[in-house]
Every structure is written in structure tokens, then in C-alpha cells.
Amino acid sequence: MIKFGLSSVFLALALVAPTAAFGQQPITNRFSADPSPHVFDGEYYVYATDDASNSGRYWDSTAWRLYASKDMRTWVDKGAPLDVTVFKWARPDAKAWAPEVAYRHGKYFFYAPVGGDKIGVAVADRPEGPFHDARSDALVDKSRDANVGAEPIDPAVFIDKDGQAYLFFGTRMPKIVKLRPDMVTLDGPIRDLAIEGFPQDDPKKKYGEAPFLHARGGTYYFSFSTGWPGQIVYATSTSPMGPFRYQGLILDYLSISTNHQAIIEHGGNTWLFYHDNLLPGGGSERRSITFAPLRYNPDGSIQEVKRPAKAVEHPVLPISGG
């Protein structure tokens, strides 16, 4: 996890603004979902599924979207950093689902679920691209690779303090595989990620999708959605390979059919990014990205993020770009 100090302006805002001031306000008035947030060179970037270009009846967009901010209040639409045609092996109408980005060796690696059965990886010299295919085939391919599971989607990359990179993905059963230092080659077999201790009296508590890993101290926190609809819950381990032990709830059910999260930490502050139904005309296929503070208890457990009853009043500026 790359950490950066907060700017003096952002620090002042964080000190005086109430918790609700950062929750339930969409970062843009363009429908977007499945946030992959990062900080590169002191600027915030959120890579997203572009719900504004889908049919409105299904998640069938073919391009991804990028938003950037210097202060987490004013966000600029950077347009489409890439679409599925970057991958010559993909159908031009293949679905572009929840993306992930990782930075290493001076390069930006974009992990792209394509068509629901493959994960491609593209690379660029700058956060906004241009991106080009880093391979001549998919990084993960359901028709080629063993133990891929129902759908190789929702990639999430974690680079540990020892430099080892891990790729998480999958629906219904979480998958983990090591990445080689080049970030574009699998290093060993794809494995099931074990989660233990689900409440026996709640059959809805199970892994569904949206895997994400972050670390704090010596603890690894694995968060995910429990299904469709789903809660965001988490489990912990002393190793990124697990096994993980179920701990509890982070974000409750939404009024839409999916729930998808990512977590970033900077200067001692932690933020939960997720999507919800926040804009006029929105719904399960037309979602909006927002974020809220994520806090820990003294024992290291995560406090539930309570969504405000209504969106806060600070303005969303008109987006730039198409």
C-alpha cells in the first residue's frame, strides 16, 4: 500500500468536517461503479466501471472511466483510460467490469475483467494512460487456466512489504495467485482462499464477490461482498495467503443489487470507497461512487460505516470530458 502525507488543505478539511461530510455524496454526476482508488504523486485517482455507457438494463459497458482529485472534494473526469479493444484477443463488445490498478517499477498496471471469463492486464507510463496490452493473451483465462472458478472477475492486487504481489479475484469462491515481479505473469497455481468462522445462524454470510486486501500493522484485512444483494464484511489473517477468520460487518445492504468496496490509507486516515444509488435515474445498473471514513477500534476491529440518511450538501462540480 503506497502511503502519502496529506496536503495542508486536505488536513484542515479533515479536521473540521463532520463524518457525514464525506459520505453519500457522489464524486461525479456521471454514473460509475466498482471503485479502484489510489494516490499517485500526491493526487487521488479512482478507476471505475462506466455505468453511464451501459444499456441501462445490464452491466454491458465496454470501457472504463477515470476520475482524479487533488483534495477528495473536487473531482475531474479524465475520460476513458482504455476500453476492451486494447486487448486484441477480446471481443469488441465484451463487457468491461470492475477494474484494478497497481503501480510498480515506474509503471501503472491496469487489471481488466473482460467478458466475464478473462482478466487482461494493460500497462502505461502515466496514471491516465495511454494503456497498451502488456501481454498477447489474457493474464487469467477460464478456458485455459485451472481453478479459475465461476467467473474470473473483480481483480484486486496487493503488494506486501516484502515486495511479493498477489492477485485476488472471483465470485462465490475467492481466488488468490502470486504475481511475478513483472506484474504481468502468474507465479504458481491459482488457489482457493479459505475464510473460516462464518456465523452458523446466518446463511447469507458467505463470500460472493469484490475481494480486497489491505494491511494494518501485522494484520491482513480481507473485505468482500456477501452476494447479490450483499453486505461488505471482512476477515483477518496474519498472512495474505490466509486462512482468514470472519470478523464482522463494514457496510450494510444497499438498495441496489451489488456492493463493491476498496480501501485506501493516507497519513493515518483510512477511507472506504464504494458505490450506491445516489443520482437521479440511478439504480442497480446505474450506480454512483462515494466514500466515507473507515475507523478502527482499539483492538484492531473495524467499525461499521453508517451511511447518512441523505446525501450531504457540498456540491458536485460539472464533469469535464465526454
C-alpha atoms as a PDB file:
ATOM      1  CA  MET A   1       0.000   0.000   0.000  1.00  0.00           C
ATOM      2  CA  ILE A   2       1.550   3.277  -1.097  1.00  0.00           C
ATOM      3  CA  LYS A   3       1.208   5.986   1.560  1.00  0.00           C
ATOM      4  CA  PHE A   4       1.442   9.739   1.099  1.00  0.00           C
ATOM      5  CA  GLY A   5       1.133  12.624   3.531  1.00  0.00           C
ATOM      6  CA  LEU A   6      -1.983  14.764   3.347  1.00  0.00           C
ATOM      7  CA  SER A   7      -1.774  18.277   1.975  1.00  0.00           C
ATOM      8  CA  SER A   8      -2.332  21.105   4.440  1.00  0.00           C
ATOM      9  CA  VAL A   9      -5.632  21.973   2.735  1.00  0.00           C
ATOM     10  CA  PHE A  10      -6.937  18.432   2.947  1.00  0.00           C
ATOM     11  CA  LEU A  11      -5.761  18.107   6.542  1.00  0.00           C
ATOM     12  CA  ALA A  12      -7.693  21.230   7.504  1.00  0.00           C
ATOM     13  CA  LEU A  13     -10.823  19.854   5.844  1.00  0.00           C
ATOM     14  CA  ALA A  14     -10.415  16.521   7.608  1.00  0.00           C
ATOM     15  CA  LEU A  15     -10.113  18.232  10.983  1.00  0.00           C
ATOM     16  CA  VAL A  16     -13.181  20.452  10.735  1.00  0.00           C
ATOM     17  CA  ALA A  17     -15.600  18.468   8.572  1.00  0.00           C
ATOM     18  CA  PRO A  18     -18.124  16.139  10.234  1.00  0.00           C
ATOM     19  CA  THR A  19     -18.093  12.468   9.310  1.00  0.00           C
ATOM     20  CA  ALA A  20     -21.182  12.764   7.093  1.00  0.00           C
ATOM     21  CA  ALA A  21     -19.470  15.429   5.009  1.00  0.00           C
ATOM     22  CA  PHE A  22     -17.538  12.706   3.209  1.00  0.00           C
ATOM     23  CA  GLY A  23     -20.319  10.145   2.834  1.00  0.00           C
ATOM     24  CA  GLN A  24     -23.107   9.539   0.332  1.00  0.00           C
ATOM     25  CA  GLN A  25     -22.065  12.365  -1.981  1.00  0.00           C
ATOM     26  CA  PRO A  26     -21.139  11.039  -5.434  1.00  0.00           C
ATOM     27  CA  ILE A  27     -17.718  12.073  -6.659  1.00  0.00           C
ATOM     28  CA  THR A  28     -19.160  12.800 -10.116  1.00  0.00           C
ATOM     29  CA  ASN A  29     -22.538  13.266 -11.782  1.00  0.00           C
ATOM     30  CA  ARG A  30     -21.663  10.525 -14.275  1.00  0.00           C
ATOM     31  CA  PHE A  31     -22.889   7.026 -13.396  1.00  0.00           C
ATOM     32  CA  SER A  32     -19.865   4.985 -12.295  1.00  0.00           C
ATOM     33  CA  ALA A  33     -19.241   1.941 -10.111  1.00  0.00           C
ATOM     34  CA  ASP A  34     -16.733  -0.553  -8.691  1.00  0.00           C
ATOM     35  CA  PRO A  35     -14.127   1.973  -7.485  1.00  0.00           C
ATOM     36  CA  SER A  36     -10.406   1.253  -7.548  1.00  0.00           C
ATOM     37  CA  PRO A  37      -8.930   4.229  -5.618  1.00  0.00           C
ATOM     38  CA  HIS A  38      -5.239   5.150  -5.458  1.00  0.00           C
ATOM     39  CA  VAL A  39      -2.876   8.008  -4.683  1.00  0.00           C
ATOM     40  CA  PHE A  40      -0.122   8.615  -7.216  1.00  0.00           C
ATOM     41  CA  ASP A  41       2.322  11.507  -6.741  1.00  0.00           C
ATOM     42  CA  GLY A  42       0.007  13.145  -4.213  1.00  0.00           C
ATOM     43  CA  GLU A  43      -3.102  13.071  -6.420  1.00  0.00           C
ATOM     44  CA  TYR A  44      -6.144  10.846  -5.921  1.00  0.00           C
ATOM     45  CA  TYR A  45      -7.283   8.612  -8.775  1.00  0.00           C
ATOM     46  CA  VAL A  46     -10.396   6.426  -8.967  1.00  0.00           C
ATOM     47  CA  TYR A  47     -10.664   3.891 -11.798  1.00  0.00           C
ATOM     48  CA  ALA A  48     -14.213   2.695 -12.358  1.00  0.00           C
ATOM     49  CA  THR A  49     -16.750   0.721 -14.309  1.00  0.00           C
ATOM     50  CA  ASP A  50     -18.541   3.163 -16.609  1.00  0.00           C
ATOM     51  CA  ASP A  51     -22.247   2.693 -15.907  1.00  0.00           C
ATOM     52  CA  ALA A  52     -23.081   5.798 -17.978  1.00  0.00           C
ATOM     53  CA  SER A  53     -22.257   3.963 -21.196  1.00  0.00           C
ATOM     54  CA  ASN A  54     -24.100   0.719 -20.494  1.00  0.00           C
ATOM     55  CA  SER A  55     -27.569  -0.154 -21.796  1.00  0.00           C
ATOM     56  CA  GLY A  56     -29.252   0.742 -18.504  1.00  0.00           C
ATOM     57  CA  ARG A  57     -30.532  -2.833 -18.333  1.00  0.00           C
ATOM     58  CA  TYR A  58     -27.269  -4.682 -17.694  1.00  0.00           C
ATOM     59  CA  TRP A  59     -23.607  -4.044 -16.880  1.00  0.00           C
ATOM     60  CA  ASP A  60     -22.589  -4.172 -20.543  1.00  0.00           C
ATOM     61  CA  SER A  61     -20.321  -1.158 -20.975  1.00  0.00           C
ATOM     62  CA  THR A  62     -17.137  -1.769 -22.974  1.00  0.00           C
ATOM     63  CA  ALA A  63     -14.908   0.973 -21.484  1.00  0.00           C
ATOM     64  CA  TRP A  64     -13.623   2.014 -18.088  1.00  0.00           C
ATOM     65  CA  ARG A  65     -13.563   5.515 -16.549  1.00  0.00           C
ATOM     66  CA  LEU A  66     -11.047   7.535 -14.546  1.00  0.00           C
ATOM     67  CA  TYR A  67     -11.585  10.385 -12.047  1.00  0.00           C
ATOM     68  CA  ALA A  68      -8.888  12.451 -10.355  1.00  0.00           C
ATOM     69  CA  SER A  69      -8.766  14.901  -7.458  1.00  0.00           C
ATOM     70  CA  LYS A  70      -6.166  16.863  -5.542  1.00  0.00           C
ATOM     71  CA  ASP A  71      -8.279  17.189  -2.385  1.00  0.00           C
ATOM     72  CA  MET A  72     -11.028  14.488  -2.485  1.00  0.00           C
ATOM     73  CA  ARG A  73     -13.675  17.201  -2.896  1.00  0.00           C
ATOM     74  CA  THR A  74     -13.374  18.381  -6.484  1.00  0.00           C
ATOM     75  CA  TRP A  75     -13.111  15.510  -8.941  1.00  0.00           C
ATOM     76  CA  VAL A  76     -12.229  15.784 -12.620  1.00  0.00           C
ATOM     77  CA  ASP A  77     -13.451  13.278 -15.189  1.00  0.00           C
ATOM     78  CA  LYS A  78     -10.350  12.129 -17.082  1.00  0.00           C
ATOM     79  CA  GLY A  79     -12.396  10.179 -19.613  1.00  0.00           C
ATOM     80  CA  ALA A  80     -11.836   6.567 -20.640  1.00  0.00           C
ATOM     81  CA  PRO A  81      -8.266   5.437 -19.905  1.00  0.00           C
ATOM     82  CA  LEU A  82      -8.896   2.383 -22.080  1.00  0.00           C
ATOM     83  CA  ASP A  83     -11.594   0.106 -23.461  1.00  0.00           C
ATOM     84  CA  VAL A  84     -11.755  -3.576 -24.337  1.00  0.00           C
ATOM     85  CA  THR A  85     -10.378  -3.024 -27.854  1.00  0.00           C
ATOM     86  CA  VAL A  86      -6.938  -2.521 -26.261  1.00  0.00           C
ATOM     87  CA  PHE A  87      -6.961  -6.314 -25.951  1.00  0.00           C
ATOM     88  CA  LYS A  88      -6.893  -7.725 -29.492  1.00  0.00           C
ATOM     89  CA  TRP A  89      -7.807 -11.158 -28.157  1.00  0.00           C
ATOM     90  CA  ALA A  90     -11.101  -9.828 -26.708  1.00  0.00           C
ATOM     91  CA  ARG A  91     -14.397  -9.375 -28.492  1.00  0.00           C
ATOM     92  CA  PRO A  92     -15.024  -5.672 -29.186  1.00  0.00           C
ATOM     93  CA  ASP A  93     -18.388  -5.943 -27.420  1.00  0.00           C
ATOM     94  CA  ALA A  94     -17.001  -7.777 -24.367  1.00  0.00           C
ATOM     95  CA  LYS A  95     -18.183  -6.446 -21.017  1.00  0.00           C
ATOM     96  CA  ALA A  96     -15.775  -4.178 -19.116  1.00  0.00           C
ATOM     97  CA  TRP A  97     -16.281  -4.883 -15.425  1.00  0.00           C
ATOM     98  CA  ALA A  98     -14.693  -3.837 -12.095  1.00  0.00           C
ATOM     99  CA  PRO A  99     -11.075  -2.752 -12.732  1.00  0.00           C
ATOM    100  CA  GLU A 100      -7.933  -2.615 -10.621  1.00  0.00           C
ATOM    101  CA  VAL A 101      -4.676  -0.680 -10.956  1.00  0.00           C
ATOM    102  CA  ALA A 102      -1.277  -1.215  -9.350  1.00  0.00           C
ATOM    103  CA  TYR A 103       1.924   0.842  -9.508  1.00  0.00           C
ATOM    104  CA  ARG A 104       5.348  -0.779  -9.689  1.00  0.00           C
ATOM    105  CA  HIS A 105       8.732  -0.192 -11.331  1.00  0.00           C
ATOM    106  CA  GLY A 106       7.593   3.210 -12.604  1.00  0.00           C
ATOM    107  CA  LYS A 107       4.675   1.662 -14.495  1.00  0.00           C
ATOM    108  CA  TYR A 108       0.901   1.599 -13.983  1.00  0.00           C
ATOM    109  CA  PHE A 109      -0.705  -1.814 -14.450  1.00  0.00           C
ATOM    110  CA  PHE A 110      -4.429  -1.977 -15.261  1.00  0.00           C
ATOM    111  CA  TYR A 111      -6.132  -5.308 -14.443  1.00  0.00           C
ATOM    112  CA  ALA A 112      -9.243  -5.605 -16.598  1.00  0.00           C
ATOM    113  CA  PRO A 113     -12.006  -8.205 -16.282  1.00  0.00           C
ATOM    114  CA  VAL A 114     -13.089  -8.727 -19.884  1.00  0.00           C
ATOM    115  CA  GLY A 115     -16.275 -10.515 -20.918  1.00  0.00           C
ATOM    116  CA  GLY A 116     -16.787 -12.215 -17.553  1.00  0.00           C
ATOM    117  CA  ASP A 117     -14.334 -15.044 -18.310  1.00  0.00           C
ATOM    118  CA  LYS A 118     -10.901 -13.413 -18.635  1.00  0.00           C
ATOM    119  CA  ILE A 119      -8.666 -10.887 -16.889  1.00  0.00           C
ATOM    120  CA  GLY A 120      -6.339  -8.860 -19.078  1.00  0.00           C
ATOM    121  CA  VAL A 121      -3.516  -6.600 -17.978  1.00  0.00           C
ATOM    122  CA  ALA A 122      -2.504  -3.360 -19.665  1.00  0.00           C
ATOM    123  CA  VAL A 123       0.385  -1.037 -18.826  1.00  0.00           C
ATOM    124  CA  ALA A 124       1.090   2.688 -19.067  1.00  0.00           C
ATOM    125  CA  ASP A 125       3.735   5.237 -18.109  1.00  0.00           C
ATOM    126  CA  ARG A 126       1.185   7.614 -16.569  1.00  0.00           C
ATOM    127  CA  PRO A 127      -1.919   7.049 -14.389  1.00  0.00           C
ATOM    128  CA  GLU A 128      -4.250   8.295 -17.144  1.00  0.00           C
ATOM    129  CA  GLY A 129      -2.570   6.233 -19.867  1.00  0.00           C
ATOM    130  CA  PRO A 130      -2.380   5.618 -22.728  1.00  0.00           C
ATOM    131  CA  PHE A 131      -2.538   1.934 -21.794  1.00  0.00           C
ATOM    132  CA  HIS A 132      -1.480  -0.913 -24.064  1.00  0.00           C
ATOM    133  CA  ASP A 133      -1.799  -4.668 -23.680  1.00  0.00           C
ATOM    134  CA  ALA A 134       1.094  -5.948 -21.563  1.00  0.00           C
ATOM    135  CA  ARG A 135       0.709  -9.455 -22.999  1.00  0.00           C
ATOM    136  CA  SER A 136      -0.588 -11.064 -26.178  1.00  0.00           C
ATOM    137  CA  ASP A 137      -3.220 -13.022 -24.259  1.00  0.00           C
ATOM    138  CA  ALA A 138      -5.200 -12.862 -21.033  1.00  0.00           C
ATOM    139  CA  LEU A 139      -3.492 -12.999 -17.647  1.00  0.00           C
ATOM    140  CA  VAL A 140      -6.290 -15.259 -16.352  1.00  0.00           C
ATOM    141  CA  ASP A 141      -8.456 -17.250 -18.770  1.00  0.00           C
ATOM    142  CA  LYS A 142     -11.293 -19.532 -17.725  1.00  0.00           C
ATOM    143  CA  SER A 143     -10.848 -21.679 -20.838  1.00  0.00           C
ATOM    144  CA  ARG A 144      -7.116 -22.129 -20.205  1.00  0.00           C
ATOM    145  CA  ASP A 145      -6.305 -21.976 -16.504  1.00  0.00           C
ATOM    146  CA  ALA A 146      -7.110 -24.437 -13.741  1.00  0.00           C
ATOM    147  CA  ASN A 147      -9.173 -23.492 -10.664  1.00  0.00           C
ATOM    148  CA  VAL A 148     -10.434 -20.170 -12.048  1.00  0.00           C
ATOM    149  CA  GLY A 149     -13.899 -20.644 -10.570  1.00  0.00           C
ATOM    150  CA  ALA A 150     -17.299 -19.452 -11.736  1.00  0.00           C
ATOM    151  CA  GLU A 151     -16.172 -16.039 -13.021  1.00  0.00           C
ATOM    152  CA  PRO A 152     -12.649 -14.584 -13.013  1.00  0.00           C
ATOM    153  CA  ILE A 153     -13.782 -11.023 -12.277  1.00  0.00           C
ATOM    154  CA  ASP A 154     -13.192  -8.286  -9.664  1.00  0.00           C
ATOM    155  CA  PRO A 155      -9.381  -8.378  -9.655  1.00  0.00           C
ATOM    156  CA  ALA A 156      -7.600  -6.798  -6.688  1.00  0.00           C
ATOM    157  CA  VAL A 157      -3.823  -6.503  -6.336  1.00  0.00           C
ATOM    158  CA  PHE A 158      -1.932  -6.325  -3.049  1.00  0.00           C
ATOM    159  CA  ILE A 159       1.832  -5.764  -2.835  1.00  0.00           C
ATOM    160  CA  ASP A 160       3.183  -6.847   0.534  1.00  0.00           C
ATOM    161  CA  LYS A 161       6.021  -5.181   2.440  1.00  0.00           C
ATOM    162  CA  ASP A 162       8.420  -7.903   1.246  1.00  0.00           C
ATOM    163  CA  GLY A 163       7.640  -6.977  -2.365  1.00  0.00           C
ATOM    164  CA  GLN A 164       5.522 -10.030  -3.184  1.00  0.00           C
ATOM    165  CA  ALA A 165       2.455  -9.140  -5.260  1.00  0.00           C
ATOM    166  CA  TYR A 166      -0.808 -11.056  -5.030  1.00  0.00           C
ATOM    167  CA  LEU A 167      -3.843 -11.104  -7.315  1.00  0.00           C
ATOM    168  CA  PHE A 168      -7.280 -11.766  -5.797  1.00  0.00           C
ATOM    169  CA  PHE A 169     -10.392 -12.337  -7.907  1.00  0.00           C
ATOM    170  CA  GLY A 170     -13.516 -14.416  -8.313  1.00  0.00           C
ATOM    171  CA  THR A 171     -17.165 -14.925  -7.495  1.00  0.00           C
ATOM    172  CA  ARG A 172     -18.631 -17.408  -4.998  1.00  0.00           C
ATOM    173  CA  MET A 173     -15.167 -18.706  -4.101  1.00  0.00           C
ATOM    174  CA  PRO A 174     -12.309 -16.209  -3.596  1.00  0.00           C
ATOM    175  CA  LYS A 175      -9.139 -16.950  -5.549  1.00  0.00           C
ATOM    176  CA  ILE A 176      -5.549 -15.901  -4.886  1.00  0.00           C
ATOM    177  CA  VAL A 177      -2.427 -16.259  -7.010  1.00  0.00           C
ATOM    178  CA  LYS A 178       1.042 -14.772  -6.712  1.00  0.00           C
ATOM    179  CA  LEU A 179       2.334 -12.416  -9.397  1.00  0.00           C
ATOM    180  CA  ARG A 180       5.904 -12.368 -10.614  1.00  0.00           C
ATOM    181  CA  PRO A 181       7.860  -9.106 -10.227  1.00  0.00           C
ATOM    182  CA  ASP A 182       6.939  -8.152 -13.819  1.00  0.00           C
ATOM    183  CA  MET A 183       3.285  -7.883 -12.605  1.00  0.00           C
ATOM    184  CA  VAL A 184       2.005  -9.480 -15.822  1.00  0.00           C
ATOM    185  CA  THR A 185       2.772 -13.162 -15.189  1.00  0.00           C
ATOM    186  CA  LEU A 186       1.252 -15.576 -12.697  1.00  0.00           C
ATOM    187  CA  ASP A 187       3.712 -17.155 -10.273  1.00  0.00           C
ATOM    188  CA  GLY A 188       2.353 -20.555  -9.311  1.00  0.00           C
ATOM    189  CA  PRO A 189      -1.129 -22.072  -9.188  1.00  0.00           C
ATOM    190  CA  ILE A 190      -4.416 -20.304  -8.571  1.00  0.00           C
ATOM    191  CA  ARG A 191      -5.606 -21.261  -5.087  1.00  0.00           C
ATOM    192  CA  ASP A 192      -8.847 -21.052  -3.144  1.00  0.00           C
ATOM    193  CA  LEU A 193      -8.699 -18.517  -0.308  1.00  0.00           C
ATOM    194  CA  ALA A 194     -10.019 -20.013   2.914  1.00  0.00           C
ATOM    195  CA  ILE A 195     -12.410 -17.967   5.076  1.00  0.00           C
ATOM    196  CA  GLU A 196     -13.359 -19.568   8.375  1.00  0.00           C
ATOM    197  CA  GLY A 197     -15.815 -18.772  11.141  1.00  0.00           C
ATOM    198  CA  PHE A 198     -18.863 -17.546   9.225  1.00  0.00           C
ATOM    199  CA  PRO A 199     -21.867 -17.239  11.608  1.00  0.00           C
ATOM    200  CA  GLN A 200     -23.690 -20.555  11.552  1.00  0.00           C
ATOM    201  CA  ASP A 201     -27.060 -18.898  12.189  1.00  0.00           C
ATOM    202  CA  ASP A 202     -26.852 -16.614   9.133  1.00  0.00           C
ATOM    203  CA  PRO A 203     -26.744 -18.440   5.778  1.00  0.00           C
ATOM    204  CA  LYS A 204     -26.386 -15.092   3.979  1.00  0.00           C
ATOM    205  CA  LYS A 205     -22.916 -14.653   5.451  1.00  0.00           C
ATOM    206  CA  LYS A 206     -20.749 -16.128   2.714  1.00  0.00           C
ATOM    207  CA  TYR A 207     -18.319 -14.964   0.102  1.00  0.00           C
ATOM    208  CA  GLY A 208     -19.947 -13.519  -3.017  1.00  0.00           C
ATOM    209  CA  GLU A 209     -17.575 -11.197  -4.894  1.00  0.00           C
ATOM    210  CA  ALA A 210     -15.478  -7.982  -4.647  1.00  0.00           C
ATOM    211  CA  PRO A 211     -12.353  -9.309  -2.884  1.00  0.00           C
ATOM    212  CA  PHE A 212      -9.974  -6.696  -1.468  1.00  0.00           C
ATOM    213  CA  LEU A 213      -6.953  -6.913   0.827  1.00  0.00           C
ATOM    214  CA  HIS A 214      -5.276  -4.232   2.910  1.00  0.00           C
ATOM    215  CA  ALA A 215      -2.857  -4.444   5.827  1.00  0.00           C
ATOM    216  CA  ARG A 216      -2.570  -2.575   9.102  1.00  0.00           C
ATOM    217  CA  GLY A 217       0.241  -3.379  11.449  1.00  0.00           C
ATOM    218  CA  GLY A 218       0.741  -7.118  11.317  1.00  0.00           C
ATOM    219  CA  THR A 219      -2.873  -7.855  10.381  1.00  0.00           C
ATOM    220  CA  TYR A 220      -4.215  -8.505   6.883  1.00  0.00           C
ATOM    221  CA  TYR A 221      -7.838  -7.448   6.350  1.00  0.00           C
ATOM    222  CA  PHE A 222      -9.734  -9.251   3.601  1.00  0.00           C
ATOM    223  CA  SER A 223     -13.013  -7.490   2.756  1.00  0.00           C
ATOM    224  CA  PHE A 224     -15.655  -8.636   0.291  1.00  0.00           C
ATOM    225  CA  SER A 225     -19.331  -8.604  -0.644  1.00  0.00           C
ATOM    226  CA  THR A 226     -21.566 -11.432   0.548  1.00  0.00           C
ATOM    227  CA  GLY A 227     -23.580 -11.612  -2.660  1.00  0.00           C
ATOM    228  CA  TRP A 228     -26.487 -10.077  -4.612  1.00  0.00           C
ATOM    229  CA  PRO A 229     -27.558  -8.041  -2.743  1.00  0.00           C
ATOM    230  CA  GLY A 230     -24.671  -8.182  -0.333  1.00  0.00           C
ATOM    231  CA  GLN A 231     -23.086  -6.686   2.722  1.00  0.00           C
ATOM    232  CA  ILE A 232     -19.431  -5.676   2.828  1.00  0.00           C
ATOM    233  CA  VAL A 233     -17.828  -7.777   5.558  1.00  0.00           C
ATOM    234  CA  TYR A 234     -14.271  -8.643   6.491  1.00  0.00           C
ATOM    235  CA  ALA A 235     -11.990 -11.359   7.778  1.00  0.00           C
ATOM    236  CA  THR A 236      -8.443 -11.180   9.144  1.00  0.00           C
ATOM    237  CA  SER A 237      -5.246 -13.206   8.986  1.00  0.00           C
ATOM    238  CA  THR A 238      -1.539 -12.976   9.767  1.00  0.00           C
ATOM    239  CA  SER A 239      -0.735 -13.892   6.148  1.00  0.00           C
ATOM    240  CA  PRO A 240      -2.057 -12.611   2.801  1.00  0.00           C
ATOM    241  CA  MET A 241      -2.478 -16.265   1.779  1.00  0.00           C
ATOM    242  CA  GLY A 242      -4.799 -16.897   4.737  1.00  0.00           C
ATOM    243  CA  PRO A 243      -6.582 -18.704   6.148  1.00  0.00           C
ATOM    244  CA  PHE A 244      -8.785 -15.772   7.142  1.00  0.00           C
ATOM    245  CA  ARG A 245     -11.154 -15.602  10.091  1.00  0.00           C
ATOM    246  CA  TYR A 246     -14.517 -13.856   9.679  1.00  0.00           C
ATOM    247  CA  GLN A 247     -14.826 -10.765  11.877  1.00  0.00           C
ATOM    248  CA  GLY A 248     -17.892  -8.708  11.010  1.00  0.00           C
ATOM    249  CA  LEU A 249     -19.710  -6.049   9.059  1.00  0.00           C
ATOM    250  CA  ILE A 250     -18.244  -2.970   7.367  1.00  0.00           C
ATOM    251  CA  LEU A 251     -21.127  -1.751   5.167  1.00  0.00           C
ATOM    252  CA  ASP A 252     -24.721  -2.976   5.275  1.00  0.00           C
ATOM    253  CA  TYR A 253     -27.011  -3.862   2.366  1.00  0.00           C
ATOM    254  CA  LEU A 254     -27.706  -1.150  -0.193  1.00  0.00           C
ATOM    255  CA  SER A 255     -30.912  -0.510  -2.117  1.00  0.00           C
ATOM    256  CA  ILE A 256     -29.249  -1.904  -5.266  1.00  0.00           C
ATOM    257  CA  SER A 257     -28.212  -5.420  -6.222  1.00  0.00           C
ATOM    258  CA  THR A 258     -24.431  -5.076  -5.856  1.00  0.00           C
ATOM    259  CA  ASN A 259     -21.998  -3.843  -3.228  1.00  0.00           C
ATOM    260  CA  HIS A 260     -18.342  -3.248  -4.112  1.00  0.00           C
ATOM    261  CA  GLN A 261     -15.637  -1.614  -1.975  1.00  0.00           C
ATOM    262  CA  ALA A 262     -11.976  -0.647  -1.850  1.00  0.00           C
ATOM    263  CA  ILE A 263      -9.921   0.876   0.968  1.00  0.00           C
ATOM    264  CA  ILE A 264      -7.046   3.352   0.961  1.00  0.00           C
ATOM    265  CA  GLU A 265      -4.936   4.694   3.822  1.00  0.00           C
ATOM    266  CA  HIS A 266      -3.021   8.001   3.894  1.00  0.00           C
ATOM    267  CA  GLY A 267      -1.430   9.969   6.678  1.00  0.00           C
ATOM    268  CA  GLY A 268      -3.151   7.956   9.378  1.00  0.00           C
ATOM    269  CA  ASN A 269      -6.586   8.268   7.744  1.00  0.00           C
ATOM    270  CA  THR A 270      -8.463   5.384   6.149  1.00  0.00           C
ATOM    271  CA  TRP A 271     -11.198   5.726   3.518  1.00  0.00           C
ATOM    272  CA  LEU A 272     -13.806   3.270   2.292  1.00  0.00           C
ATOM    273  CA  PHE A 273     -14.829   3.783  -1.345  1.00  0.00           C
ATOM    274  CA  TYR A 274     -17.992   2.098  -2.586  1.00  0.00           C
ATOM    275  CA  HIS A 275     -20.933   2.625  -4.922  1.00  0.00           C
ATOM    276  CA  ASP A 276     -24.608   3.256  -4.226  1.00  0.00           C
ATOM    277  CA  ASN A 277     -27.786   4.620  -5.822  1.00  0.00           C
ATOM    278  CA  LEU A 278     -27.173   8.366  -5.426  1.00  0.00           C
ATOM    279  CA  LEU A 279     -28.044  10.199  -8.654  1.00  0.00           C
ATOM    280  CA  PRO A 280     -31.450  10.833 -10.273  1.00  0.00           C
ATOM    281  CA  GLY A 281     -32.280   7.970 -12.606  1.00  0.00           C
ATOM    282  CA  GLY A 282     -29.874   5.658 -10.809  1.00  0.00           C
ATOM    283  CA  GLY A 283     -30.343   2.056  -9.816  1.00  0.00           C
ATOM    284  CA  SER A 284     -28.678  -1.340  -9.905  1.00  0.00           C
ATOM    285  CA  GLU A 285     -27.279  -0.752 -13.393  1.00  0.00           C
ATOM    286  CA  ARG A 286     -26.662   2.986 -12.954  1.00  0.00           C
ATOM    287  CA  ARG A 287     -24.586   3.375  -9.806  1.00  0.00           C
ATOM    288  CA  SER A 288     -22.550   6.210  -8.235  1.00  0.00           C
ATOM    289  CA  ILE A 289     -19.209   6.170  -6.430  1.00  0.00           C
ATOM    290  CA  THR A 290     -18.806   7.727  -2.989  1.00  0.00           C
ATOM    291  CA  PHE A 291     -16.551   7.311   0.054  1.00  0.00           C
ATOM    292  CA  ALA A 292     -16.542   7.613   3.837  1.00  0.00           C
ATOM    293  CA  PRO A 293     -14.026   7.428   6.699  1.00  0.00           C
ATOM    294  CA  LEU A 294     -13.163   3.944   7.911  1.00  0.00           C
ATOM    295  CA  ARG A 295     -12.281   3.682  11.603  1.00  0.00           C
ATOM    296  CA  TYR A 296     -10.801   1.004  13.837  1.00  0.00           C
ATOM    297  CA  ASN A 297     -11.475   0.085  17.441  1.00  0.00           C
ATOM    298  CA  PRO A 298      -8.545  -0.162  19.893  1.00  0.00           C
ATOM    299  CA  ASP A 299      -8.444  -3.944  19.371  1.00  0.00           C
ATOM    300  CA  GLY A 300      -7.990  -3.507  15.606  1.00  0.00           C
ATOM    301  CA  SER A 301     -11.549  -4.431  14.627  1.00  0.00           C
ATOM    302  CA  ILE A 302     -13.256  -2.246  12.009  1.00  0.00           C
ATOM    303  CA  GLN A 303     -16.226  -0.084  12.930  1.00  0.00           C
ATOM    304  CA  GLU A 304     -19.316  -0.353  10.742  1.00  0.00           C
ATOM    305  CA  VAL A 305     -19.663   2.523   8.272  1.00  0.00           C
ATOM    306  CA  LYS A 306     -23.050   4.136   8.823  1.00  0.00           C
ATOM    307  CA  ARG A 307     -24.456   5.850   5.753  1.00  0.00           C
ATOM    308  CA  PRO A 308     -26.193   9.183   6.367  1.00  0.00           C
ATOM    309  CA  ALA A 309     -29.940   9.347   5.813  1.00  0.00           C
ATOM    310  CA  LYS A 310     -29.450  11.636   2.817  1.00  0.00           C
ATOM    311  CA  ALA A 311     -26.636  12.926   0.676  1.00  0.00           C
ATOM    312  CA  VAL A 312     -24.652  15.799   2.107  1.00  0.00           C
ATOM    313  CA  GLU A 313     -24.884  19.242   0.618  1.00  0.00           C
ATOM    314  CA  HIS A 314     -21.389  20.030  -0.619  1.00  0.00           C
ATOM    315  CA  PRO A 315     -21.600  20.441  -4.406  1.00  0.00           C
ATOM    316  CA  VAL A 316     -20.515  18.083  -7.136  1.00  0.00           C
ATOM    317  CA  LEU A 317     -18.950  20.177  -9.880  1.00  0.00           C
ATOM    318  CA  PRO A 318     -19.828  19.535 -13.529  1.00  0.00           C
ATOM    319  CA  ILE A 319     -17.652  16.833 -15.014  1.00  0.00           C
ATOM    320  CA  SER A 320     -15.213  17.531 -17.794  1.00  0.00           C
ATOM    321  CA  GLY A 321     -14.708  15.191 -20.691  1.00  0.00           C
ATOM    322  CA  GLY A 322     -17.321  13.151 -22.537  1.00  0.00           C
END
